[in-house]
Protein backbone atom coordinates (compact mmCIF):
# COMPACT_ATOMS: atom_id res chain seq x y z
CA UNK A 1 -0.67 19.55 -4.74
CA UNK A 2 -2.24 23.20 -4.00
CA UNK A 3 -0.85 26.71 -3.24
CA UNK A 4 2.32 27.13 -2.05
CA UNK A 5 1.22 28.58 1.40
CA UNK A 6 -1.29 25.47 1.80
CA UNK A 7 1.79 23.46 1.00
CA UNK A 8 3.87 25.34 3.73
CA UNK A 9 1.39 25.22 6.34
CA UNK A 10 0.83 21.55 5.86
CA UNK A 11 4.81 20.85 6.04
CA UNK A 12 4.92 23.15 9.17
CA UNK A 13 2.12 21.22 10.75
CA UNK A 14 3.24 17.58 9.66
CA UNK A 15 6.76 18.69 11.34
CA UNK A 16 5.16 19.64 14.38
CA UNK A 17 3.02 16.46 14.39
CA UNK A 18 6.14 14.55 13.37
CA UNK A 19 8.12 15.53 16.50
CA UNK A 20 5.28 15.35 18.66
CA UNK A 21 4.72 11.56 17.32
CA UNK A 22 8.49 10.34 17.59
CA UNK A 23 8.15 12.01 21.71
CA UNK A 24 4.88 10.02 22.18
CA UNK A 25 6.72 6.76 20.35
CA UNK A 26 9.59 7.40 22.75
CA UNK A 27 7.22 7.57 25.86
CA UNK A 28 5.87 4.39 24.59
CA UNK A 29 8.78 2.67 24.31
CA UNK A 30 9.93 3.44 27.77
CA UNK A 31 6.61 2.36 29.09
CA UNK A 32 6.52 -1.03 27.32
CA UNK A 33 8.38 -4.08 27.36
CA UNK A 34 10.05 -4.85 24.14
CA UNK A 35 7.82 -6.61 22.16
CA UNK A 36 8.77 -10.01 20.30
CA UNK A 37 7.89 -8.96 17.04
CA UNK A 38 10.48 -6.02 16.56
CA UNK A 39 12.85 -6.60 13.98
CA UNK A 40 10.04 -7.78 11.51
CA UNK A 41 9.66 -6.29 7.93
CA UNK A 42 6.94 -3.96 7.48
CA UNK A 43 6.16 -2.26 3.98
CA UNK A 44 4.69 1.33 3.85
CA UNK A 45 2.49 2.06 0.67
CA UNK A 46 2.12 5.74 0.96
CA UNK A 47 2.13 8.29 -1.59
CA UNK A 48 2.47 11.65 0.83
CA UNK A 49 5.98 11.75 1.42
CA UNK A 50 5.42 13.35 4.97
CA UNK A 51 2.90 10.64 5.93
CA UNK A 52 5.50 8.12 4.82
CA UNK A 53 8.55 9.53 6.69
CA UNK A 54 6.34 9.93 9.79
CA UNK A 55 5.18 6.08 9.89
CA UNK A 56 8.80 4.94 9.07
CA UNK A 57 10.36 6.79 11.67
CA UNK A 58 7.67 5.88 14.25
CA UNK A 59 8.46 1.86 13.01
CA UNK A 60 12.26 2.36 13.17
CA UNK A 61 12.07 3.86 16.55
CA UNK A 62 10.49 0.75 17.92
CA UNK A 63 12.86 -1.93 16.11
CA UNK A 64 11.13 -2.72 13.13
CA UNK A 65 12.76 -2.78 9.55
CA UNK A 66 10.68 -0.93 7.01
CA UNK A 67 10.71 -0.73 3.14
CA UNK A 68 8.67 1.79 1.16
CA UNK A 69 6.43 2.00 -1.97
CA UNK A 70 4.99 5.32 -3.34
CA UNK A 71 2.23 3.81 -5.37
CA UNK A 72 0.44 0.57 -5.25
CA UNK A 73 2.07 -0.94 -8.21
CA UNK A 74 5.42 -0.57 -6.79
CA UNK A 75 4.29 -1.68 -3.41
CA UNK A 76 3.21 -4.98 -4.88
CA UNK A 77 6.48 -5.29 -6.64
CA UNK A 78 8.25 -4.64 -3.40
CA UNK A 79 5.98 -7.35 -1.63
CA UNK A 80 6.61 -9.99 -4.16
CA UNK A 81 10.58 -9.35 -3.98
CA UNK A 82 10.87 -8.85 -0.05
CA UNK A 83 7.89 -10.60 1.20
CA UNK A 84 7.57 -8.27 4.34
CA UNK A 85 5.90 -9.48 7.76
CA UNK A 86 2.76 -6.76 7.30
CA UNK A 87 1.51 -4.08 4.90
CA UNK A 88 0.61 -0.71 5.83
CA UNK A 89 -1.16 0.58 2.69
CA UNK A 90 -2.80 4.07 2.09
CA UNK A 91 -6.20 3.70 1.14
CA UNK A 92 -6.46 6.41 -1.59
CA UNK A 93 -3.20 6.21 -3.80
CA UNK A 94 -3.12 7.55 -7.11
CA UNK A 95 -4.20 4.93 -10.27
CA UNK A 96 -4.61 1.87 -8.53
CA UNK A 97 -6.68 2.41 -5.22
CA UNK A 98 -6.00 0.46 -1.73
CA UNK A 99 -8.70 -2.11 -2.44
CA UNK A 100 -7.50 -2.92 -5.95
CA UNK A 101 -3.94 -3.11 -4.49
CA UNK A 102 -5.30 -5.30 -1.68
CA UNK A 103 -7.01 -7.80 -4.31
CA UNK A 104 -3.82 -7.84 -6.52
CA UNK A 105 -2.01 -9.16 -3.30
CA UNK A 106 -4.62 -11.41 -2.10
CA UNK A 107 -4.68 -13.14 -5.88
CA UNK A 108 -0.78 -13.84 -5.72
CA UNK A 109 0.52 -16.85 -4.01
CA UNK A 110 3.53 -14.67 -3.17
CA UNK A 111 1.73 -12.29 -1.22
CA UNK A 112 -1.66 -13.56 -0.11
CA UNK A 113 -0.72 -14.06 3.42
CA UNK A 114 0.82 -11.04 4.43
CA UNK A 115 -1.35 -9.00 6.77
CA UNK A 116 -2.55 -5.48 5.40
CA UNK A 117 -3.74 -2.70 7.33
CA UNK A 118 -5.25 0.02 5.42
CA UNK A 119 -4.42 3.69 6.40
CA UNK A 120 -6.65 6.40 5.73
CA UNK A 121 -7.36 10.11 6.62
CA UNK A 122 -11.11 9.12 5.84
CA UNK A 123 -13.10 8.21 9.13
CA UNK A 124 -16.56 7.92 7.15
CA UNK A 125 -18.46 4.92 7.74
CA UNK A 126 -18.97 4.26 4.12
CA UNK A 127 -14.95 4.01 3.61
CA UNK A 128 -14.81 1.77 6.81
CA UNK A 129 -17.30 -0.42 5.66
CA UNK A 130 -15.80 -0.67 2.23
CA UNK A 131 -12.23 -1.78 3.87
CA UNK A 132 -13.70 -4.13 6.02
CA UNK A 133 -15.63 -5.54 3.34
CA UNK A 134 -12.67 -5.82 1.08
CA UNK A 135 -11.18 -8.32 3.57
CA UNK A 136 -8.18 -5.90 5.23
CA UNK A 137 -6.59 -7.03 8.02
CA UNK A 138 -7.21 -3.89 10.12
CA UNK A 139 -7.79 -0.10 9.56
CA UNK A 140 -5.91 2.67 10.81
CA UNK A 141 -7.19 6.34 10.76
CA UNK A 142 -4.99 9.59 10.27
CA UNK A 143 -4.18 11.64 11.83
CA UNK A 144 -2.27 8.63 13.65
CA UNK A 145 -2.53 8.27 16.99
CA UNK A 146 0.92 6.74 18.15
CA UNK A 147 0.03 4.25 20.79
CA UNK A 148 -3.33 2.98 18.98
CA UNK A 149 -1.19 2.72 15.71
CA UNK A 150 1.78 0.84 17.32
CA UNK A 151 -0.82 -1.44 19.03
CA UNK A 152 -2.43 -2.21 15.65
CA UNK A 153 0.67 -3.21 14.09
CA UNK A 154 1.81 -5.04 16.89
CA UNK A 155 -1.57 -7.03 17.17
CA UNK A 156 -1.53 -7.79 13.44
CA UNK A 157 2.10 -9.09 13.38
CA UNK A 158 1.47 -11.36 16.56
CA UNK A 159 -1.99 -12.87 14.74
CA UNK A 160 -0.21 -13.17 11.67
CA UNK A 161 -0.11 -17.46 10.42
CA UNK A 162 2.90 -16.98 8.40
CA UNK A 163 5.83 -19.20 9.63
CA UNK A 164 8.85 -17.61 10.53
């Protein structure tokens, strides 16, 4: 992962960011009405533990249920078994990348209709183009801006055509 100093610095920054993010979620929660999509199950596919915990905590605070996977392969298995209402998938995963995993999900009758939002630290136009051309239902950049992120999640859940 890198030097111990870099890892410690990343953890301390992430912890501070995590606290700020949860505070922002609390403010957003107070400022908005309850959504009719709360309690939906969301699958988080993210290999970075700090990012996975941050996303999980924001979603749970808003009333969503979550399930997690650390790799694309594990995520595909969990999606087949649990049939989440939404998948949030890191674009840069080890072994199988986000686009390959997305295509595997779309090729499977059990998971083809589940909306998938790509989550990426890359704001490069070519990555954005790849994500949108692949057919993802949305894209979220890191670092995550809480209000934008939660709005994207809610919009994806509301626009899905899966029967309840």
